């Protein structure tokens, strides 16, 4: 997927969890074919590492059982209770010890985490296993419809409708020939996507990247199988290369042609913008808000700090900088991001103010108070540079005498908030 180039430039857990999950499935398939002690331990370790990397992958813990049931042998001879019991007993005799060992590895990893939690609590710490601000299940039909629309826009902007339709058709063709294997891959995908698609408050595209390896398996397997079908079915008039070579040529050419057209029309352009000008990308609304126009990214903040590093007036050897920036509860530690861009010449302090970004009236009412109680109350005399996305009110009652001149201003991409640098001096 071309947009994975964008997400893999960022420090997200999703691509790492997707890679570990893929390694888990690979080793799991080898285990089903040749069960060994070493392989069972490796599968347990890899799945545990996947879950520790991204907690939404927790359902992947059930994938070894699904693999054994779908790929571990022939189906029950009859659809009767006794036949199913015999089938399950046979599977357990062959794989029961391996599944038990994998479960034991899960338990050990969980015990290790809880031991660290207890150790932290004993030292007065406040450990957090996972945050809950992004959890929000479907509460009604409107929300469900809204989620469907969000995922449609993700497909539209980041995958393209033609490729999604082609992938669906290839999966159907492959399912007719390799039902058990396709069901396993679909199960792998469902285990990873269900928490991200249903249990999150604001679905975003990067949550889906963890399942892209499963999609790649379906797409690649479908292409290979479809090519073999057309090689066998198509007939041509006589040619110098012979009918067999002609069939292979046409089948391979069809596959290559579809991918080349998609790459030229969509994928290469998207990937090129990702590398050279990411601000020109078109993303779904939630991703656009988080990556560009919203208050949880470093756009313009980096430019403002670079401006002060080059043009700021020093005081005692350093340029005094005070950053006061609004953010959301999802990024309460926003100042940690700002710190990445602070150079040795800047004496910078930062305050992140969590606000209700959906309430414009509340934001406007806050501006006067933020200037009076945060910016001016901590003003370093004789002057300091203030980086803020909080507009300066015309009047600020009960504020100390001061003079403020704007020396820099930039706007976050795609219509985001303006960020200004003010030179604020005591009077």
Protein backbone atom coordinates (compact mmCIF):
# COMPACT_ATOMS: atom_id res chain seq x y z
CA UNK A 1 0.00 0.00 0.00
CA UNK A 2 1.56 3.34 -0.97
CA UNK A 3 0.40 5.17 2.16
CA UNK A 4 2.38 2.80 4.36
CA UNK A 5 5.40 4.78 3.18
CA UNK A 6 3.85 7.72 5.02
CA UNK A 7 3.05 5.86 8.24
CA UNK A 8 6.36 3.99 8.39
CA UNK A 9 8.22 7.31 8.48
CA UNK A 10 6.60 7.89 11.87
CA UNK A 11 7.26 6.25 15.22
CA UNK A 12 4.05 4.19 15.35
CA UNK A 13 3.67 0.73 16.81
CA UNK A 14 1.31 -0.42 14.06
CA UNK A 15 3.88 -1.36 11.37
CA UNK A 16 6.07 -3.14 13.94
CA UNK A 17 3.10 -5.09 15.29
CA UNK A 18 2.07 -6.00 11.75
CA UNK A 19 5.57 -7.32 10.98
CA UNK A 20 5.73 -9.36 14.20
CA UNK A 21 2.25 -10.71 13.57
CA UNK A 22 3.29 -11.81 10.09
CA UNK A 23 6.35 -13.61 11.47
CA UNK A 24 4.05 -15.28 14.00
CA UNK A 25 1.75 -16.58 11.27
CA UNK A 26 4.67 -17.79 9.16
CA UNK A 27 6.12 -19.79 12.04
CA UNK A 28 2.63 -20.97 12.98
CA UNK A 29 2.11 -22.51 9.54
CA UNK A 30 5.44 -24.34 9.83
CA UNK A 31 4.36 -25.57 13.27
CA UNK A 32 1.10 -26.95 11.88
CA UNK A 33 3.03 -28.82 9.19
CA UNK A 34 5.89 -30.02 11.46
CA UNK A 35 5.13 -29.53 15.17
CA UNK A 36 8.31 -29.22 17.25
CA UNK A 37 9.13 -27.89 20.69
CA UNK A 38 11.36 -25.14 19.32
CA UNK A 39 8.72 -23.96 16.86
CA UNK A 40 5.98 -23.86 19.49
CA UNK A 41 8.15 -21.73 21.80
CA UNK A 42 8.98 -19.39 18.92
CA UNK A 43 5.31 -18.96 17.98
CA UNK A 44 4.43 -18.15 21.61
CA UNK A 45 7.24 -15.61 21.89
CA UNK A 46 6.38 -13.90 18.59
CA UNK A 47 2.67 -13.61 19.34
CA UNK A 48 3.42 -12.32 22.85
CA UNK A 49 5.78 -9.72 21.36
CA UNK A 50 3.08 -8.68 18.88
CA UNK A 51 0.56 -8.17 21.67
CA UNK A 52 3.03 -6.25 23.82
CA UNK A 53 3.80 -4.02 20.84
CA UNK A 54 0.14 -3.25 20.12
CA UNK A 55 -2.50 -4.29 22.63
CA UNK A 56 -5.24 -4.26 19.99
CA UNK A 57 -3.54 -7.38 18.57
CA UNK A 58 -4.50 -9.37 21.70
CA UNK A 59 -7.00 -11.50 19.77
CA UNK A 60 -4.10 -12.89 17.74
CA UNK A 61 -3.47 -15.15 20.74
CA UNK A 62 -6.25 -17.36 19.40
CA UNK A 63 -4.72 -17.78 15.93
CA UNK A 64 -2.77 -21.01 16.66
CA UNK A 65 -6.04 -22.77 17.52
CA UNK A 66 -7.65 -21.48 14.30
CA UNK A 67 -4.62 -22.65 12.29
CA UNK A 68 -4.79 -26.12 13.80
CA UNK A 69 -8.52 -26.48 13.18
CA UNK A 70 -8.43 -25.23 9.59
CA UNK A 71 -5.06 -26.50 8.40
CA UNK A 72 -4.10 -29.28 10.80
CA UNK A 73 -5.75 -32.10 8.89
CA UNK A 74 -8.80 -33.18 6.96
CA UNK A 75 -12.27 -32.07 8.01
CA UNK A 76 -14.52 -34.35 10.10
CA UNK A 77 -15.77 -37.34 8.16
CA UNK A 78 -19.36 -36.56 9.06
CA UNK A 79 -21.20 -33.64 10.58
CA UNK A 80 -22.20 -35.57 13.66
CA UNK A 81 -21.27 -34.97 17.27
CA UNK A 82 -19.31 -38.20 17.53
CA UNK A 83 -17.38 -37.56 14.31
CA UNK A 84 -16.50 -34.02 15.41
CA UNK A 85 -15.34 -35.33 18.79
CA UNK A 86 -13.08 -37.89 17.13
CA UNK A 87 -11.70 -35.20 14.83
CA UNK A 88 -10.99 -32.84 17.75
CA UNK A 89 -9.40 -35.66 19.77
CA UNK A 90 -7.08 -36.46 16.88
CA UNK A 91 -6.06 -32.81 16.56
CA UNK A 92 -5.43 -32.57 20.31
CA UNK A 93 -3.24 -35.69 20.30
CA UNK A 94 -1.04 -34.13 17.65
CA UNK A 95 -1.10 -30.46 18.64
CA UNK A 96 -2.35 -30.27 22.22
CA UNK A 97 1.10 -30.12 23.77
CA UNK A 98 2.15 -27.34 21.35
CA UNK A 99 -0.96 -25.26 22.05
CA UNK A 100 -0.44 -25.72 25.79
CA UNK A 101 3.17 -24.60 25.48
CA UNK A 102 2.16 -21.51 23.49
CA UNK A 103 -0.44 -20.65 26.14
CA UNK A 104 2.25 -21.04 28.79
CA UNK A 105 4.43 -18.50 27.00
CA UNK A 106 1.46 -16.11 26.95
CA UNK A 107 1.02 -16.59 30.69
CA UNK A 108 4.70 -15.96 31.41
CA UNK A 109 4.70 -12.73 29.40
CA UNK A 110 1.58 -11.54 31.22
CA UNK A 111 3.11 -12.41 34.60
CA UNK A 112 6.25 -10.47 33.68
CA UNK A 113 4.19 -7.38 32.88
CA UNK A 114 2.17 -7.61 36.09
CA UNK A 115 5.38 -8.11 38.09
CA UNK A 116 6.69 -4.85 36.65
CA UNK A 117 3.38 -3.16 37.50
CA UNK A 118 3.55 -4.38 41.10
CA UNK A 119 7.18 -3.28 41.37
CA UNK A 120 6.25 0.16 40.09
CA UNK A 121 3.31 0.45 42.50
CA UNK A 122 5.53 -0.55 45.41
CA UNK A 123 7.83 2.36 44.57
CA UNK A 124 4.95 4.83 44.45
CA UNK A 125 4.63 4.85 40.68
CA UNK A 126 1.43 5.08 38.65
CA UNK A 127 1.83 2.50 35.87
CA UNK A 128 -0.60 2.59 32.95
CA UNK A 129 -1.15 -0.67 31.08
CA UNK A 130 -3.16 1.07 28.38
CA UNK A 131 -4.97 4.34 27.90
CA UNK A 132 -8.72 4.45 27.44
CA UNK A 133 -9.29 7.80 25.73
CA UNK A 134 -9.46 6.18 22.27
CA UNK A 135 -11.90 3.44 23.29
CA UNK A 136 -15.48 3.93 22.14
CA UNK A 137 -17.68 1.14 20.84
CA UNK A 138 -20.50 1.47 18.34
CA UNK A 139 -23.49 2.87 20.22
CA UNK A 140 -26.10 3.12 17.48
CA UNK A 141 -26.90 2.83 13.81
CA UNK A 142 -25.70 6.37 13.07
CA UNK A 143 -22.31 5.60 14.56
CA UNK A 144 -22.12 2.33 12.64
CA UNK A 145 -22.99 4.11 9.39
CA UNK A 146 -20.44 6.79 10.19
CA UNK A 147 -17.75 4.16 10.63
CA UNK A 148 -18.64 2.58 7.31
CA UNK A 149 -18.29 5.96 5.63
CA UNK A 150 -14.91 6.50 7.31
CA UNK A 151 -13.59 3.18 6.05
CA UNK A 152 -14.92 3.89 2.57
CA UNK A 153 -13.00 7.18 2.51
CA UNK A 154 -9.86 5.34 3.68
CA UNK A 155 -10.20 2.94 0.75
CA UNK A 156 -11.00 5.79 -1.64
CA UNK A 157 -8.08 8.04 -0.71
CA UNK A 158 -5.40 5.54 0.29
CA UNK A 159 -6.01 2.37 -1.72
CA UNK A 160 -8.21 3.36 -4.70
CA UNK A 161 -11.57 1.81 -5.50
CA UNK A 162 -10.35 -0.15 -8.58
CA UNK A 163 -7.61 -1.93 -6.61
CA UNK A 164 -9.97 -2.67 -3.71
CA UNK A 165 -12.51 -4.15 -6.14
CA UNK A 166 -9.79 -6.21 -7.83
CA UNK A 167 -8.58 -7.47 -4.45
CA UNK A 168 -12.08 -8.53 -3.45
CA UNK A 169 -12.60 -10.38 -6.71
CA UNK A 170 -9.24 -12.16 -6.40
CA UNK A 171 -10.07 -13.23 -2.83
CA UNK A 172 -13.38 -14.73 -4.01
CA UNK A 173 -11.66 -16.62 -6.83
CA UNK A 174 -9.02 -17.93 -4.44
CA UNK A 175 -11.66 -18.90 -1.85
CA UNK A 176 -13.33 -21.24 -4.33
CA UNK A 177 -10.10 -23.18 -4.76
CA UNK A 178 -8.44 -22.93 -1.32
CA UNK A 179 -11.30 -22.52 1.13
CA UNK A 180 -9.53 -23.54 4.35
CA UNK A 181 -6.43 -21.47 3.64
CA UNK A 182 -8.44 -18.37 2.71
CA UNK A 183 -10.59 -18.78 5.83
CA UNK A 184 -7.41 -18.86 7.92
CA UNK A 185 -6.08 -15.67 6.32
CA UNK A 186 -9.47 -13.98 6.77
CA UNK A 187 -9.41 -15.08 10.42
CA UNK A 188 -5.93 -13.62 10.81
CA UNK A 189 -7.20 -10.36 9.34
CA UNK A 190 -10.35 -10.32 11.48
CA UNK A 191 -8.44 -10.92 14.73
CA UNK A 192 -6.26 -7.89 14.02
CA UNK A 193 -8.92 -5.59 12.56
CA UNK A 194 -11.89 -6.21 14.85
CA UNK A 195 -10.56 -4.20 17.84
CA UNK A 196 -9.30 -1.40 15.60
CA UNK A 197 -12.50 -1.12 13.56
CA UNK A 198 -15.08 -1.58 16.31
CA UNK A 199 -13.59 -0.58 19.67
CA UNK A 200 -11.92 2.71 18.75
CA UNK A 201 -13.57 6.08 19.25
CA UNK A 202 -12.08 7.66 16.12
CA UNK A 203 -11.11 5.10 13.43
CA UNK A 204 -8.01 6.17 11.50
CA UNK A 205 -6.15 4.57 8.61
CA UNK A 206 -2.99 3.65 10.50
CA UNK A 207 -4.97 1.28 12.73
CA UNK A 208 -5.55 -0.87 9.65
CA UNK A 209 -1.89 -1.19 8.64
CA UNK A 210 -1.43 -4.05 11.10
CA UNK A 211 -3.61 -6.21 8.83
CA UNK A 212 -2.05 -5.29 5.49
CA UNK A 213 0.24 -8.36 5.37
CA UNK A 214 -2.87 -10.57 5.44
CA UNK A 215 -4.37 -8.53 2.60
CA UNK A 216 -1.12 -8.90 0.67
CA UNK A 217 -1.32 -12.68 1.07
CA UNK A 218 -4.89 -12.71 -0.26
CA UNK A 219 -4.04 -10.38 -3.14
CA UNK A 220 -0.85 -12.20 -4.12
CA UNK A 221 -2.41 -15.64 -3.76
CA UNK A 222 -5.42 -14.53 -5.78
CA UNK A 223 -3.20 -13.15 -8.55
CA UNK A 224 -1.16 -16.34 -8.73
CA UNK A 225 -4.24 -18.57 -8.77
CA UNK A 226 -6.08 -16.43 -11.32
CA UNK A 227 -3.05 -16.42 -13.60
CA UNK A 228 -2.93 -20.22 -13.49
CA UNK A 229 -6.64 -20.37 -14.34
CA UNK A 230 -6.26 -18.16 -17.40
CA UNK A 231 -3.19 -20.03 -18.54
CA UNK A 232 -5.24 -23.21 -18.54
CA UNK A 233 -8.43 -21.81 -20.08
CA UNK A 234 -7.35 -19.35 -22.70
CA UNK A 235 -6.62 -20.58 -26.16
CA UNK A 236 -4.98 -18.71 -28.97
CA UNK A 237 -4.52 -19.17 -32.64
CA UNK A 238 -1.24 -20.59 -33.77
CA UNK A 239 1.80 -18.51 -32.95
CA UNK A 240 5.47 -18.98 -33.43
CA UNK A 241 5.99 -19.31 -29.67
CA UNK A 242 3.42 -22.10 -29.38
CA UNK A 243 0.07 -22.06 -27.55
CA UNK A 244 1.53 -22.91 -24.12
CA UNK A 245 3.94 -19.99 -24.16
CA UNK A 246 1.23 -17.69 -25.49
CA UNK A 247 -1.10 -18.56 -22.62
CA UNK A 248 1.61 -17.91 -20.05
CA UNK A 249 2.47 -14.65 -21.77
CA UNK A 250 -1.11 -13.42 -21.75
CA UNK A 251 -1.73 -14.45 -18.14
CA UNK A 252 1.46 -12.82 -16.89
CA UNK A 253 0.82 -9.77 -19.05
CA UNK A 254 -2.66 -9.32 -17.60
CA UNK A 255 -1.37 -9.36 -14.05
CA UNK A 256 1.57 -7.09 -14.82
CA UNK A 257 -0.63 -4.70 -16.80
CA UNK A 258 -3.13 -4.21 -13.97
CA UNK A 259 -0.39 -3.52 -11.43
CA UNK A 260 1.56 -1.20 -13.75
CA UNK A 261 -1.50 0.91 -14.53
CA UNK A 262 -2.37 1.17 -10.83
CA UNK A 263 1.22 2.08 -9.95
CA UNK A 264 1.43 4.79 -12.64
CA UNK A 265 -2.00 6.30 -12.01
CA UNK A 266 -2.08 6.11 -8.20
CA UNK A 267 0.68 4.44 -6.18
CA UNK A 268 3.82 6.15 -7.49
CA UNK A 269 2.29 9.62 -7.25
CA UNK A 270 1.12 8.99 -3.68
CA UNK A 271 4.47 7.56 -2.58
CA UNK A 272 6.35 10.44 -4.25
CA UNK A 273 4.30 13.05 -2.39
CA UNK A 274 4.80 11.11 0.83
CA UNK A 275 8.57 11.45 0.51
CA UNK A 276 8.89 14.92 -1.01
CA UNK A 277 5.79 16.92 0.02
CA UNK A 278 3.59 15.12 2.57
CA UNK A 279 1.57 18.28 3.19
CA UNK A 280 0.12 17.84 -0.32
CA UNK A 281 -1.34 14.42 0.48
CA UNK A 282 -5.08 13.90 0.54
CA UNK A 283 -5.99 11.82 3.60
CA UNK A 284 -9.30 10.79 5.20
CA UNK A 285 -10.71 13.36 7.60
CA UNK A 286 -9.51 11.80 10.88
CA UNK A 287 -6.00 11.22 9.56
CA UNK A 288 -5.88 14.69 8.02
CA UNK A 289 -6.84 16.21 11.38
CA UNK A 290 -4.26 14.23 13.33
CA UNK A 291 -1.39 14.58 10.87
CA UNK A 292 -1.89 18.06 9.51
CA UNK A 293 -4.51 20.54 10.62
CA UNK A 294 -5.11 19.44 14.22
CA UNK A 295 -3.24 20.43 17.41
CA UNK A 296 -1.39 17.14 17.92
CA UNK A 297 1.44 17.49 15.38
CA UNK A 298 4.61 19.56 14.98
CA UNK A 299 3.73 21.47 11.83
CA UNK A 300 4.84 25.14 12.06
CA UNK A 301 6.14 24.61 15.62
CA UNK A 302 9.37 23.32 14.09
CA UNK A 303 9.50 26.34 11.74
CA UNK A 304 8.90 28.75 14.62
CA UNK A 305 11.75 27.28 16.68
CA UNK A 306 14.05 27.31 13.65
CA UNK A 307 13.20 30.99 13.10
CA UNK A 308 14.11 31.85 16.69
CA UNK A 309 17.31 29.84 16.50
CA UNK A 310 18.38 31.94 13.54
CA UNK A 311 16.86 35.35 14.29
CA UNK A 312 16.03 35.40 18.00
CA UNK A 313 17.71 37.93 20.30
CA UNK A 314 19.78 36.24 22.98
CA UNK A 315 19.60 37.13 26.66
CA UNK A 316 22.53 35.95 28.73
CA UNK A 317 23.72 33.62 25.98
CA UNK A 318 20.38 31.96 25.21
CA UNK A 319 17.19 32.95 23.44
CA UNK A 320 14.34 32.90 26.00
CA UNK A 321 11.43 30.94 24.53
CA UNK A 322 8.06 30.17 26.06
CA UNK A 323 5.81 27.78 24.13
CA UNK A 324 2.12 27.77 25.10
CA UNK A 325 0.19 25.47 22.79
CA UNK A 326 -3.28 23.98 22.89
CA UNK A 327 -3.65 20.27 22.40
CA UNK A 328 -6.13 17.48 23.08
CA UNK A 329 -6.40 14.80 25.72
CA UNK A 330 -4.94 12.37 23.16
CA UNK A 331 -1.65 14.31 23.23
CA UNK A 332 -1.39 15.71 26.74
CA UNK A 333 2.38 15.15 26.54
CA UNK A 334 2.62 17.39 23.47
CA UNK A 335 5.60 19.25 24.93
CA UNK A 336 7.69 16.11 24.50
CA UNK A 337 7.20 16.54 20.75
CA UNK A 338 8.16 20.21 20.92
CA UNK A 339 11.38 19.27 22.71
CA UNK A 340 12.58 17.39 19.63
CA UNK A 341 12.98 20.68 17.76
CA UNK A 342 14.66 22.76 20.51
CA UNK A 343 18.27 23.61 19.65
CA UNK A 344 21.17 24.35 22.00
CA UNK A 345 20.76 28.12 21.48
CA UNK A 346 17.20 28.17 22.80
CA UNK A 347 16.24 28.30 26.46
CA UNK A 348 12.78 26.88 25.92
CA UNK A 349 9.95 25.97 28.27
CA UNK A 350 6.66 24.54 27.16
CA UNK A 351 3.11 24.36 28.48
CA UNK A 352 0.51 22.17 26.78
CA UNK A 353 -3.08 23.19 27.50
CA UNK A 354 -5.65 20.45 26.96
CA UNK A 355 -8.78 21.90 25.40
CA UNK A 356 -12.04 20.74 23.90
CA UNK A 357 -11.20 21.05 20.22
CA UNK A 358 -14.83 20.52 19.24
CA UNK A 359 -16.08 23.54 21.19
CA UNK A 360 -15.18 26.75 19.36
CA UNK A 361 -16.93 28.96 21.91
CA UNK A 362 -14.93 27.44 24.77
CA UNK A 363 -11.68 27.95 22.85
CA UNK A 364 -12.45 31.63 22.25
CA UNK A 365 -13.33 32.16 25.90
CA UNK A 366 -10.01 30.63 26.93
CA UNK A 367 -7.81 33.00 24.98
CA UNK A 368 -8.03 35.90 27.42
CA UNK A 369 -7.41 33.66 30.42
CA UNK A 370 -4.46 31.86 28.80
CA UNK A 371 -2.71 35.12 27.99
CA UNK A 372 -3.29 36.56 31.46
CA UNK A 373 -2.79 33.46 33.62
CA UNK A 374 -0.23 31.47 31.65
CA UNK A 375 1.72 33.64 29.23
CA UNK A 376 1.98 36.92 31.13
CA UNK A 377 2.05 35.38 34.61
CA UNK A 378 5.28 33.59 33.72
CA UNK A 379 6.83 36.30 31.58
CA UNK A 380 10.62 36.45 31.82
CA UNK A 381 11.64 40.12 31.98
CA UNK A 382 12.89 42.07 30.20
CA UNK A 383 11.50 40.02 27.30
CA UNK A 384 10.78 36.53 26.01
CA UNK A 385 9.59 34.98 22.79
CA UNK A 386 6.20 33.27 23.02
CA UNK A 387 5.22 30.55 20.56
CA UNK A 388 1.47 30.01 20.72
CA UNK A 389 -1.63 29.17 18.75
CA UNK A 390 -3.69 31.25 21.17
CA UNK A 391 -4.76 34.52 19.57
CA UNK A 392 -3.93 37.68 21.48
CA UNK A 393 -7.14 39.35 22.73
CA UNK A 394 -7.60 43.06 22.15
CA UNK A 395 -7.88 43.69 25.88
CA UNK A 396 -6.70 41.61 28.83
CA UNK A 397 -8.21 42.85 32.12
CA UNK A 398 -5.95 42.75 35.19
CA UNK A 399 -2.88 41.94 33.09
CA UNK A 400 0.51 43.45 33.96
CA UNK A 401 1.83 46.15 31.57
CA UNK A 402 3.45 44.54 28.54
CA UNK A 403 4.20 45.07 24.86
CA UNK A 404 3.81 42.30 22.30
CA UNK A 405 4.98 42.32 18.69
CA UNK A 406 4.38 39.42 16.32
CA UNK A 407 7.64 38.43 14.60
CA UNK A 408 6.61 35.18 12.89
CA UNK A 409 3.41 33.44 11.85
CA UNK A 410 2.60 30.22 10.04
CA UNK A 411 -0.48 28.08 9.52
CA UNK A 412 -0.79 24.35 9.89
CA UNK A 413 -1.55 22.64 6.54
CA UNK A 414 -5.04 22.09 5.18
CA UNK A 415 -6.65 25.01 7.01
CA UNK A 416 -5.25 24.28 10.46
CA UNK A 417 -4.70 26.83 13.22
CA UNK A 418 -2.19 29.65 12.91
CA UNK A 419 0.86 29.58 15.18
CA UNK A 420 2.57 32.87 15.99
CA UNK A 421 5.80 33.94 17.62
CA UNK A 422 5.41 37.04 19.81
CA UNK A 423 8.19 39.11 21.31
CA UNK A 424 6.64 39.96 24.67
CA UNK A 425 8.42 42.58 26.78
CA UNK A 426 7.74 43.93 30.26
CA UNK A 427 6.88 47.62 30.60
